[in-house]
Structure formats: C-alpha cells, structure tokens
Amino acid sequence: MLRSALRTLKNSIRSTPRCAGSKFLYTLSDKIPKETVDCVVIGAGVVGIAVARELALKGREVLVIESASTFGTGTSSRNSEVIHAGIYYPPNSLKATFCVRGKELLYKYCSDHGVPHKRIGKLIVATGSSEIPKLNDILCRGIENGVNDLRMMEGFEAKRMEPELQCMKALFSPSTGIVDSHSLMLSLMGEAENHRTTFSYDTIVTGGHLEGNQIHLYIAENKDFQKCIEKFPTQPALVLIPKLVVNSGGLSASSIAKRFIGLASGVIPANYYARGCYFTLSNTRVSPFKHLIYPIPEDGGFGVHVTLDMDGHVKFGPDVEWINGVDDISSFLNKFDYSVSADRAQSFYPKIRRYYPNLKDGSLEPGYAGIRPKLTGPRQSPADFVVQGEDIHGLPGLVNLFGIESPGLTSSLAIAEYIAAHFLK
C-alpha cells in the first residue's frame, strides 16, 4: 500500500499545481486519488525519525513526510548537541521524565550503534553570591528528578577541573554529554528504513479532515503548495488515509494542526519563537575547557553556555531573541531568518566573561542560529512538552507533539517509546 501511495503521489505532482477555494475549507475534487496507509509521521527531525523507527520496530509500515529536501534541517541540526541529564525540569513533568529516560536510551543506542558521543560532564556555575541559592534549587530539583550523580563543589574545586573557569560554586553533572546529532539521525533512519519505513522529502501535509472515523491527510509537493499559498490553498495531489498520524512538525506543528478540519482551535496551544545564535571560538589551538560550562538559566533558555563538538571545538550560545509577528504561513513553511550578525557578539562577551574572564576581544566568530518552538513567551514560566491524543482533541488516530524544544534531542527515543506504548492499536 505504501509503495502504491508514493507512486500515486509522484504521478500526481507531475501535473500543474491545482489551487482552489477559501481558507482550508475548500471542497476536495473527486478526481484526487486516495490511498490507505498504516502510519504517517509528519516531520523528519530527530524526534520524527525516532518515532518512525520505533513504530517500524513494532512491525508497522511507516511513511515519513518531510517538507524540506532532506532530514533534520530545523531545530534538530541547530542546537547544542548536548545529552542532558534531566536536572532543570519540574518533577514529574514530561520534560523531566523523557529526559532522564531518554538519556539512558540514547547512551545505550549510541554505544550499540557506533554513533559518536562523549560523556564529558557539565559544570553549572554560580558566579556571584546571589546565584548560589538558585544553584542549590537546581541541585534539589535534579535529585528529585532521579539524577543521582550530581555533586556541589566550591569554586576552587571547579577551578582545579577547569583552570580557566571563574565561579564561587559549581554543580557538577558527570552524566551530561554530547552527541553527533547528524550521525544519530542517519543511524535511526537506516534502522527505520530497514524495517519498512519510507521517507518522502519535498512533500507537505497541507491539511486534513475526519471522515468515517478516519483521518484523511492532504498531501502536495512543497513547490506546488508555495506557488498557490500566496492567493489561496492548493488542492492536494493525494489524500492519504492512515491508521495513525504523528504530527512531529517541530516549528510547524501548531500550524499543521490548525489545518485539520474538525480540530478545535482551543486545543492548539499558542506558539512563541525564540531565536538563538551561536559563536565559535577562534584564534586558539587548544580548547580552554574540557567540560561543558553552563551559567544559571535565564529567561527563555539555559544562558550563553560553553559546548564542545566531537572534535573539541568550542562554541558559545545560544542567546535568546524573541521573534514577534510570525504568521502561520511562515512557521508552516519554516521561513525563519537563520543568519548570525557579527555585531551580536558584543552582547556575548560580557556574559561569557562572567565565568571565562580571559576571553580575548575579537575571538568570537559567527556560527549558526536555531529557532526554538515554545509554548510560553517572555517572562513566563517554561511550558512542558505536550503529547496530545484523541482524549484531548477528539480526532481518532492523531497524535500532536507541541513545544518539542530542549531537551528534545535527549528525549527523542523516550518520546518514541511513549508514543508506541500509548497510541498503537
């Protein structure tokens, strides 16, 4: 069935783009081909790939639909590539549960499959006396979440570990690590494809509706959709009728959900977007740090921290820049500005020098930027992950994943495990 659906799609999208109707509520042409499929995953980021792999390992036939020309082009490839321990998140939250479980699964998966990774450890630092109570709170929260290897140390102890570091106290997390996210996604994809998963790129889910207690997905080629979207929606090239749909669209997840006719708008959370820039350290042959260095978390993120890649290169970031006025079409098509202005480095230097006073002027070079899909805005308490099934939104066979930001990479295998356990029939 899956191969038949893909052949139908390829044949259909060769025709000229078909545009019709008013917003989302146009009448579908009777001539549009329909195909039944087993499972559809929307989005080929690390979470979508992990979900597809898990469903495939459970014996299901899976189609992954990705609007970009390849996998992992969004948040999955524009982050710190950190394997988080599960320290910061509210106890019993999905973020805490999935992060702690996901860390265990991820380390094992990487070891078993030869994915490059290192358990290098992290120091969370208090650079002033006013930050020490916050550091103690982080320690207590981490212990409550089941992270049992944390150790508080005085500034001089931390400095023995990291001579370039300046702080009054530090919390050491030995189980924090780094991973090559591209290699991880490649490995997960290979395993998924070996178990009857197919990836369809440059393909987009333009909407859907419920018919006969089954969800119907509207599928089009990305370029055809963009030709029509400025004036009116495109008629789909194909309608897929799956048993299970997992909306793992990342930055686009809420915009995709809004296009499902019959899904009450009240169950779709508001979206906020935080842009974060990274700068790399230049003019040095030897890394000043051997561990990850994190300040006390700030509004919207973990603060400008030190991360290392698998080759030992140092990067600093991300900062937090709230993006206003993002319309649904921009988020739906991932039309964000990912450029990094060299001028932005000027705000990085004072933040970094609080814990790395020997940072030299002119040593920061623009790296890359990422966008984080958030469910709360500036000066609001961080929101939990949202895993939303029929019991909440009322559409059988649909699972929405909203607000999958950090620690999404660490949590990916645990999220996949949870979906397979709770939503497969």
Protein backbone atom coordinates (compact mmCIF):
# COMPACT_ATOMS: atom_id res chain seq x y z
CA MET A 1 0.00 0.00 0.00
CA LEU A 2 2.77 2.41 0.90
CA ARG A 3 4.61 1.94 -2.38
CA SER A 4 1.34 2.39 -4.24
CA ALA A 5 0.69 5.64 -2.38
CA LEU A 6 4.11 7.00 -3.24
CA ARG A 7 3.71 6.06 -6.91
CA THR A 8 0.36 7.84 -6.91
CA LEU A 9 1.90 10.89 -5.30
CA LYS A 10 4.78 11.05 -7.78
CA ASN A 11 2.40 10.73 -10.71
CA SER A 12 0.01 13.32 -9.33
CA ILE A 13 2.56 16.01 -8.57
CA ARG A 14 3.85 15.96 -12.12
CA SER A 15 0.70 17.76 -13.16
CA THR A 16 0.30 21.51 -12.83
CA PRO A 17 -0.50 22.82 -9.34
CA ARG A 18 -4.19 22.95 -8.57
CA CYS A 19 -5.41 25.84 -6.49
CA ALA A 20 -8.89 26.25 -5.13
CA GLY A 21 -11.21 27.60 -2.54
CA SER A 22 -11.19 29.73 0.57
CA LYS A 23 -9.06 29.10 3.61
CA PHE A 24 -8.74 25.33 4.33
CA LEU A 25 -12.45 24.69 3.78
CA TYR A 26 -12.50 24.07 0.04
CA THR A 27 -14.27 21.06 -1.44
CA LEU A 28 -11.91 18.30 -2.49
CA SER A 29 -12.17 17.20 -6.08
CA ASP A 30 -13.49 13.66 -6.58
CA LYS A 31 -10.62 13.11 -9.00
CA ILE A 32 -7.96 13.36 -6.30
CA PRO A 33 -6.55 9.84 -5.70
CA LYS A 34 -6.87 8.30 -2.25
CA GLU A 35 -4.62 5.67 -0.71
CA THR A 36 -4.82 3.82 2.61
CA VAL A 37 -1.59 3.57 4.61
CA ASP A 38 -0.63 2.31 8.06
CA CYS A 39 1.29 5.03 9.91
CA VAL A 40 2.30 8.56 8.88
CA VAL A 41 4.86 10.65 10.73
CA ILE A 42 4.93 14.34 9.81
CA GLY A 43 8.45 15.74 10.10
CA ALA A 44 11.88 14.17 9.71
CA GLY A 45 13.60 15.82 12.63
CA VAL A 46 15.28 13.69 15.28
CA VAL A 47 12.00 13.11 17.15
CA GLY A 48 10.06 12.25 14.00
CA ILE A 49 12.77 9.86 12.86
CA ALA A 50 12.92 8.23 16.31
CA VAL A 51 9.14 7.81 16.33
CA ALA A 52 9.19 6.29 12.83
CA ARG A 53 11.92 3.85 13.87
CA GLU A 54 10.04 2.79 17.00
CA LEU A 55 6.78 2.24 15.12
CA ALA A 56 8.64 0.26 12.46
CA LEU A 57 10.34 -1.91 15.06
CA LYS A 58 6.84 -2.70 16.36
CA GLY A 59 6.02 -4.14 12.95
CA ARG A 60 4.20 -1.16 11.46
CA GLU A 61 4.65 0.23 7.96
CA VAL A 62 5.61 3.91 8.23
CA LEU A 63 5.66 6.85 5.85
CA VAL A 64 7.59 9.95 6.97
CA ILE A 65 6.55 13.15 5.21
CA GLU A 66 9.10 15.98 5.26
CA SER A 67 8.66 19.35 3.58
CA ALA A 68 12.40 20.01 3.28
CA SER A 69 14.72 18.36 0.77
CA THR A 70 16.39 16.25 3.46
CA PHE A 71 16.10 15.26 7.13
CA GLY A 72 16.90 17.30 10.24
CA THR A 73 17.11 20.76 8.70
CA GLY A 74 15.29 22.57 11.51
CA THR A 75 15.78 22.54 15.28
CA SER A 76 17.39 19.09 15.16
CA SER A 77 20.51 20.41 13.40
CA ARG A 78 20.60 23.83 15.07
CA ASN A 79 21.15 23.14 18.75
CA SER A 80 23.95 22.47 21.23
CA GLU A 81 24.02 18.69 20.58
CA VAL A 82 24.01 18.07 24.32
CA ILE A 83 22.81 14.90 26.03
CA HIS A 84 21.10 16.47 29.03
CA ALA A 85 20.93 14.79 32.43
CA GLY A 86 17.38 15.92 33.35
CA ILE A 87 18.26 18.46 36.01
CA TYR A 88 16.27 21.62 35.34
CA TYR A 89 12.73 20.45 34.67
CA PRO A 90 9.77 20.36 37.09
CA PRO A 91 9.45 16.96 38.82
CA ASN A 92 7.07 14.54 37.12
CA SER A 93 6.87 16.72 34.02
CA LEU A 94 7.18 15.12 30.60
CA LYS A 95 10.44 17.01 30.10
CA ALA A 96 11.92 15.54 33.27
CA THR A 97 10.58 12.03 32.66
CA PHE A 98 11.52 11.87 28.98
CA CYS A 99 14.94 13.46 29.52
CA VAL A 100 16.03 11.07 32.26
CA ARG A 101 14.71 8.03 30.39
CA GLY A 102 15.92 9.37 27.05
CA LYS A 103 19.44 9.90 28.33
CA GLU A 104 19.63 6.25 29.34
CA LEU A 105 18.25 5.08 25.99
CA LEU A 106 20.44 7.45 23.99
CA TYR A 107 23.74 6.47 25.60
CA LYS A 108 22.92 2.81 25.06
CA TYR A 109 21.83 3.37 21.46
CA CYS A 110 24.96 5.35 20.63
CA SER A 111 27.21 2.71 22.20
CA ASP A 112 25.42 -0.15 20.45
CA HIS A 113 25.35 1.52 17.02
CA GLY A 114 28.69 3.33 16.95
CA VAL A 115 27.20 6.84 16.99
CA PRO A 116 29.91 9.36 18.01
CA HIS A 117 29.25 10.67 21.52
CA LYS A 118 31.11 11.53 24.72
CA ARG A 119 30.05 11.59 28.36
CA ILE A 120 32.16 14.66 29.16
CA GLY A 121 30.21 16.17 32.08
CA LYS A 122 28.89 19.64 32.78
CA LEU A 123 29.53 22.35 35.35
CA ILE A 124 26.66 24.71 36.18
CA VAL A 125 28.28 27.75 37.78
CA ALA A 126 27.29 30.47 40.21
CA THR A 127 29.49 33.48 39.53
CA GLY A 128 28.04 35.62 42.31
CA SER A 129 26.69 35.02 45.82
CA SER A 130 23.14 35.89 44.72
CA GLU A 131 23.18 32.89 42.36
CA ILE A 132 24.13 30.28 44.96
CA PRO A 133 20.54 29.73 46.22
CA LYS A 134 19.46 29.16 42.61
CA LEU A 135 22.23 26.61 42.20
CA ASN A 136 21.02 24.81 45.34
CA ASP A 137 17.49 24.79 43.91
CA ILE A 138 18.81 23.21 40.70
CA LEU A 139 20.57 20.52 42.74
CA CYS A 140 17.39 19.69 44.68
CA ARG A 141 15.32 19.56 41.51
CA GLY A 142 17.82 17.30 39.79
CA ILE A 143 17.84 14.88 42.72
CA GLU A 144 14.03 14.86 42.76
CA ASN A 145 14.08 14.00 39.05
CA GLY A 146 16.26 10.97 39.72
CA VAL A 147 19.62 12.44 38.66
CA ASN A 148 21.64 10.90 41.47
CA ASP A 149 25.21 11.65 40.41
CA LEU A 150 25.19 15.44 40.95
CA ARG A 151 27.85 17.00 43.15
CA MET A 152 28.10 20.52 44.53
CA MET A 153 31.61 21.94 44.73
CA GLU A 154 33.36 25.11 45.80
CA GLY A 155 34.82 27.47 43.25
CA PHE A 156 38.40 26.33 43.88
CA GLU A 157 37.40 22.69 43.24
CA ALA A 158 35.80 23.64 39.94
CA LYS A 159 38.89 25.63 39.03
CA ARG A 160 41.03 22.53 39.54
CA MET A 161 38.90 20.83 36.93
CA GLU A 162 38.81 23.87 34.64
CA PRO A 163 41.70 26.32 35.25
CA GLU A 164 40.14 29.00 33.00
CA LEU A 165 36.86 28.95 34.94
CA GLN A 166 35.86 31.62 37.44
CA CYS A 167 32.98 30.93 39.84
CA MET A 168 32.01 30.88 43.51
CA LYS A 169 30.32 27.48 43.39
CA ALA A 170 29.55 24.88 40.77
CA LEU A 171 27.23 21.93 40.33
CA PHE A 172 28.89 19.03 38.52
CA SER A 173 26.79 16.71 36.35
CA PRO A 174 29.03 13.83 35.20
CA SER A 175 26.33 12.16 33.09
CA THR A 176 25.82 15.13 30.77
CA GLY A 177 27.40 14.57 27.36
CA ILE A 178 27.49 15.45 23.69
CA VAL A 179 26.43 13.59 20.55
CA ASP A 180 26.87 13.96 16.82
CA SER A 181 23.21 14.64 16.02
CA HIS A 182 23.65 14.14 12.26
CA SER A 183 25.18 10.69 12.78
CA LEU A 184 22.42 9.85 15.25
CA MET A 185 19.70 10.75 12.77
CA LEU A 186 21.43 8.82 9.98
CA SER A 187 21.63 5.74 12.19
CA LEU A 188 18.00 5.95 13.29
CA MET A 189 16.91 6.47 9.67
CA GLY A 190 18.87 3.47 8.46
CA GLU A 191 17.28 1.24 11.06
CA ALA A 192 13.82 2.61 10.28
CA GLU A 193 14.26 2.07 6.54
CA ASN A 194 15.40 -1.50 7.16
CA HIS A 195 12.04 -2.09 8.86
CA ARG A 196 9.65 -0.80 6.18
CA THR A 197 9.85 2.96 6.71
CA THR A 198 9.83 5.26 3.69
CA PHE A 199 10.91 8.91 3.73
CA SER A 200 9.23 11.31 1.29
CA TYR A 201 11.02 14.67 1.04
CA ASP A 202 9.84 17.94 -0.55
CA THR A 203 6.35 16.76 0.37
CA ILE A 204 3.92 18.62 2.57
CA VAL A 205 0.78 17.89 4.59
CA THR A 206 -1.50 20.80 3.66
CA GLY A 207 -4.40 19.80 5.88
CA GLY A 208 -6.84 17.05 6.72
CA HIS A 209 -10.32 16.12 7.82
CA LEU A 210 -12.16 13.32 9.59
CA GLU A 211 -14.34 11.02 7.52
CA GLY A 212 -15.89 7.79 8.68
CA ASN A 213 -13.90 7.90 11.93
CA GLN A 214 -10.64 8.02 9.94
CA ILE A 215 -8.38 10.97 9.39
CA HIS A 216 -7.69 11.97 5.79
CA LEU A 217 -4.42 13.82 5.08
CA TYR A 218 -4.00 16.21 2.17
CA ILE A 219 -0.61 15.73 0.52
CA ALA A 220 1.08 18.03 -2.01
CA GLU A 221 4.52 18.72 -3.36
CA ASN A 222 6.15 21.57 -1.45
CA LYS A 223 6.94 23.70 -4.51
CA ASP A 224 3.36 23.41 -5.83
CA PHE A 225 1.97 24.42 -2.45
CA GLN A 226 4.18 27.50 -2.31
CA LYS A 227 3.10 28.59 -5.78
CA CYS A 228 -0.52 28.70 -4.64
CA ILE A 229 -0.32 29.73 -1.00
CA GLU A 230 0.01 33.46 -1.56
CA LYS A 231 -3.50 33.60 -3.06
CA PHE A 232 -5.37 30.50 -1.91
CA PRO A 233 -4.70 26.92 -0.75
CA THR A 234 -3.73 24.25 -3.22
CA GLN A 235 -5.82 21.21 -3.91
CA PRO A 236 -3.81 18.19 -2.72
CA ALA A 237 -2.18 15.83 -5.18
CA LEU A 238 -3.12 12.88 -2.97
CA VAL A 239 -5.27 12.05 0.04
CA LEU A 240 -3.78 9.54 2.47
CA ILE A 241 -5.98 7.57 4.87
CA PRO A 242 -3.71 6.32 7.70
CA LYS A 243 -4.47 4.40 10.87
CA LEU A 244 -2.10 6.58 12.89
CA VAL A 245 -0.70 10.08 12.30
CA VAL A 246 2.05 11.57 14.48
CA ASN A 247 2.39 15.32 13.98
CA SER A 248 6.06 15.86 14.78
CA GLY A 249 6.37 19.03 12.74
CA GLY A 250 8.54 20.90 15.25
CA LEU A 251 8.38 24.59 14.37
CA SER A 252 5.41 23.85 12.11
CA ALA A 253 3.47 21.50 14.41
CA SER A 254 0.87 24.03 15.57
CA SER A 255 0.38 25.45 12.07
CA ILE A 256 -0.14 21.94 10.70
CA ALA A 257 -2.68 21.14 13.43
CA LYS A 258 -4.66 24.29 12.60
CA ARG A 259 -5.19 22.88 9.10
CA PHE A 260 -7.02 19.77 10.34
CA ILE A 261 -10.72 20.45 9.85
CA GLY A 262 -12.64 19.47 12.99
CA LEU A 263 -9.75 20.05 15.39
CA ALA A 264 -10.95 22.64 17.90
CA SER A 265 -8.68 25.68 17.93
CA GLY A 266 -8.79 25.73 21.73
CA VAL A 267 -6.69 22.56 21.98
CA ILE A 268 -3.85 24.02 19.89
CA PRO A 269 -1.50 25.95 22.17
CA ALA A 270 -0.21 29.41 21.29
CA ASN A 271 3.23 29.41 19.71
CA TYR A 272 6.21 31.57 20.63
CA TYR A 273 9.54 31.51 18.86
CA ALA A 274 12.94 32.16 20.41
CA ARG A 275 15.92 32.63 18.13
CA GLY A 276 19.32 31.65 19.50
CA CYS A 277 22.72 32.45 17.97
CA TYR A 278 25.96 30.55 18.46
CA PHE A 279 29.50 31.90 18.13
CA THR A 280 32.63 29.82 17.74
CA LEU A 281 35.95 30.43 19.48
CA SER A 282 38.76 31.32 17.08
CA ASN A 283 42.45 32.13 17.45
CA THR A 284 43.12 29.22 19.76
CA ARG A 285 44.57 25.80 19.04
CA VAL A 286 43.71 24.22 22.39
CA SER A 287 40.25 24.37 23.90
CA PRO A 288 40.18 26.30 27.19
CA PHE A 289 37.62 23.84 28.58
CA LYS A 290 37.24 20.07 28.81
CA HIS A 291 33.70 20.10 30.16
CA LEU A 292 30.50 21.89 29.27
CA ILE A 293 30.09 25.12 31.22
CA TYR A 294 26.62 26.50 31.92
CA PRO A 295 25.61 29.67 33.78
CA ILE A 296 22.44 29.90 35.85
CA PRO A 297 19.45 29.63 33.44
CA GLU A 298 17.96 32.85 32.08
CA ASP A 299 14.54 33.79 30.75
CA GLY A 300 13.82 31.59 27.73
CA GLY A 301 16.88 29.37 27.90
CA PHE A 302 19.91 27.97 29.72
CA GLY A 303 22.03 31.07 29.16
CA VAL A 304 25.06 31.54 26.92
CA HIS A 305 27.00 28.39 27.72
CA VAL A 306 30.12 26.56 26.56
CA THR A 307 29.61 23.48 24.44
CA LEU A 308 32.12 21.31 22.64
CA ASP A 309 31.66 19.32 19.47
CA MET A 310 33.07 15.85 18.89
CA ASP A 311 36.34 17.36 17.62
CA GLY A 312 36.76 19.52 20.73
CA HIS A 313 35.92 22.81 19.04
CA VAL A 314 34.34 25.39 21.34
CA LYS A 315 31.09 27.23 20.71
CA PHE A 316 29.17 29.67 22.89
CA GLY A 317 25.42 30.08 22.89
CA PRO A 318 22.62 30.29 22.41
CA ASP A 319 21.33 33.69 23.41
CA VAL A 320 17.60 34.41 23.41
CA GLU A 321 15.89 36.71 20.93
CA TRP A 322 12.11 36.54 20.98
CA ILE A 323 10.64 36.75 17.48
CA ASN A 324 7.39 38.65 17.13
CA GLY A 325 4.87 38.68 14.33
CA VAL A 326 5.45 35.18 12.96
CA ASP A 327 2.43 34.32 10.84
CA ASP A 328 1.14 30.78 10.33
CA ILE A 329 2.42 30.53 6.77
CA SER A 330 5.97 31.49 7.81
CA SER A 331 6.00 28.94 10.61
CA PHE A 332 4.24 26.37 8.43
CA LEU A 333 6.96 26.64 5.76
CA ASN A 334 9.86 27.22 8.21
CA LYS A 335 10.62 30.63 6.70
CA PHE A 336 12.82 31.93 9.52
CA ASP A 337 15.95 34.03 9.39
CA TYR A 338 18.89 31.83 10.42
CA SER A 339 21.66 34.36 9.71
CA VAL A 340 24.04 35.40 12.51
CA SER A 341 25.17 39.02 12.64
CA ALA A 342 28.77 39.52 13.72
CA ASP A 343 27.60 42.57 15.73
CA ARG A 344 25.66 40.29 18.05
CA ALA A 345 28.96 39.08 19.52
CA GLN A 346 29.21 42.31 21.51
CA SER A 347 26.46 41.11 23.84
CA PHE A 348 28.17 37.71 24.20
CA TYR A 349 31.49 38.93 25.59
CA PRO A 350 30.23 40.27 28.96
CA LYS A 351 28.04 37.20 29.52
CA ILE A 352 30.89 34.79 28.81
CA ARG A 353 33.47 36.76 30.81
CA ARG A 354 31.43 36.28 33.95
CA TYR A 355 32.77 32.71 34.04
CA TYR A 356 35.61 32.93 31.47
CA PRO A 357 37.38 36.23 32.24
CA ASN A 358 40.31 35.53 29.90
CA LEU A 359 38.19 35.60 26.76
CA LYS A 360 40.03 37.85 24.32
CA ASP A 361 38.46 40.59 22.25
CA GLY A 362 37.86 39.57 18.65
CA SER A 363 37.95 35.84 19.39
CA LEU A 364 34.27 35.15 18.66
CA GLU A 365 33.17 34.32 15.12
CA PRO A 366 29.58 33.90 13.91
CA GLY A 367 28.50 30.25 13.95
CA TYR A 368 24.86 29.36 13.35
CA ALA A 369 21.37 30.11 14.66
CA GLY A 370 18.43 27.98 15.70
CA ILE A 371 14.77 28.63 16.44
CA ARG A 372 13.08 27.08 19.47
CA PRO A 373 9.32 26.34 19.33
CA LYS A 374 8.00 27.48 22.69
CA LEU A 375 4.56 27.35 24.26
CA THR A 376 5.17 30.29 26.61
CA GLY A 377 6.60 33.72 25.96
CA PRO A 378 8.98 36.18 27.67
CA ARG A 379 8.93 36.27 31.47
CA GLN A 380 6.50 33.33 31.61
CA SER A 381 7.27 30.03 33.29
CA PRO A 382 8.60 27.46 30.79
CA ALA A 383 5.95 25.07 29.48
CA ASP A 384 6.14 21.31 29.42
CA PHE A 385 6.14 19.15 26.29
CA VAL A 386 2.62 18.46 25.01
CA VAL A 387 1.77 14.96 23.72
CA GLN A 388 -1.83 15.22 22.62
CA GLY A 389 -4.07 12.33 21.62
CA GLU A 390 -7.73 11.70 20.85
CA ASP A 391 -8.72 12.01 24.51
CA ILE A 392 -7.82 15.71 24.31
CA HIS A 393 -8.57 16.79 20.74
CA GLY A 394 -11.19 14.24 19.70
CA LEU A 395 -9.71 13.13 16.37
CA PRO A 396 -9.02 9.37 16.35
CA GLY A 397 -5.63 8.28 15.11
CA LEU A 398 -3.93 11.69 15.54
CA VAL A 399 -1.07 12.44 17.96
CA ASN A 400 0.18 16.04 18.15
CA LEU A 401 3.60 16.88 19.58
CA PHE A 402 3.80 20.54 20.60
CA GLY A 403 6.63 22.55 22.16
CA ILE A 404 9.34 19.97 21.49
CA GLU A 405 12.39 22.11 22.20
CA SER A 406 15.28 21.28 24.56
CA PRO A 407 15.63 18.57 25.82
CA GLY A 408 14.01 17.19 22.68
CA LEU A 409 17.21 15.66 21.28
CA THR A 410 17.94 13.82 24.55
CA SER A 411 14.27 12.83 24.90
CA SER A 412 13.76 11.62 21.33
CA LEU A 413 13.97 7.87 21.99
CA ALA A 414 11.85 8.16 25.13
CA ILE A 415 9.16 10.16 23.29
CA ALA A 416 9.13 7.47 20.59
CA GLU A 417 8.87 4.74 23.22
CA TYR A 418 5.94 6.54 24.87
CA ILE A 419 4.01 7.03 21.62
CA ALA A 420 4.41 3.37 20.61
CA ALA A 421 3.26 2.25 24.07
CA HIS A 422 0.24 4.54 24.33
CA PHE A 423 -1.10 5.10 20.82
CA LEU A 424 -0.52 1.94 18.80
CA LYS A 425 -3.57 -0.28 18.46
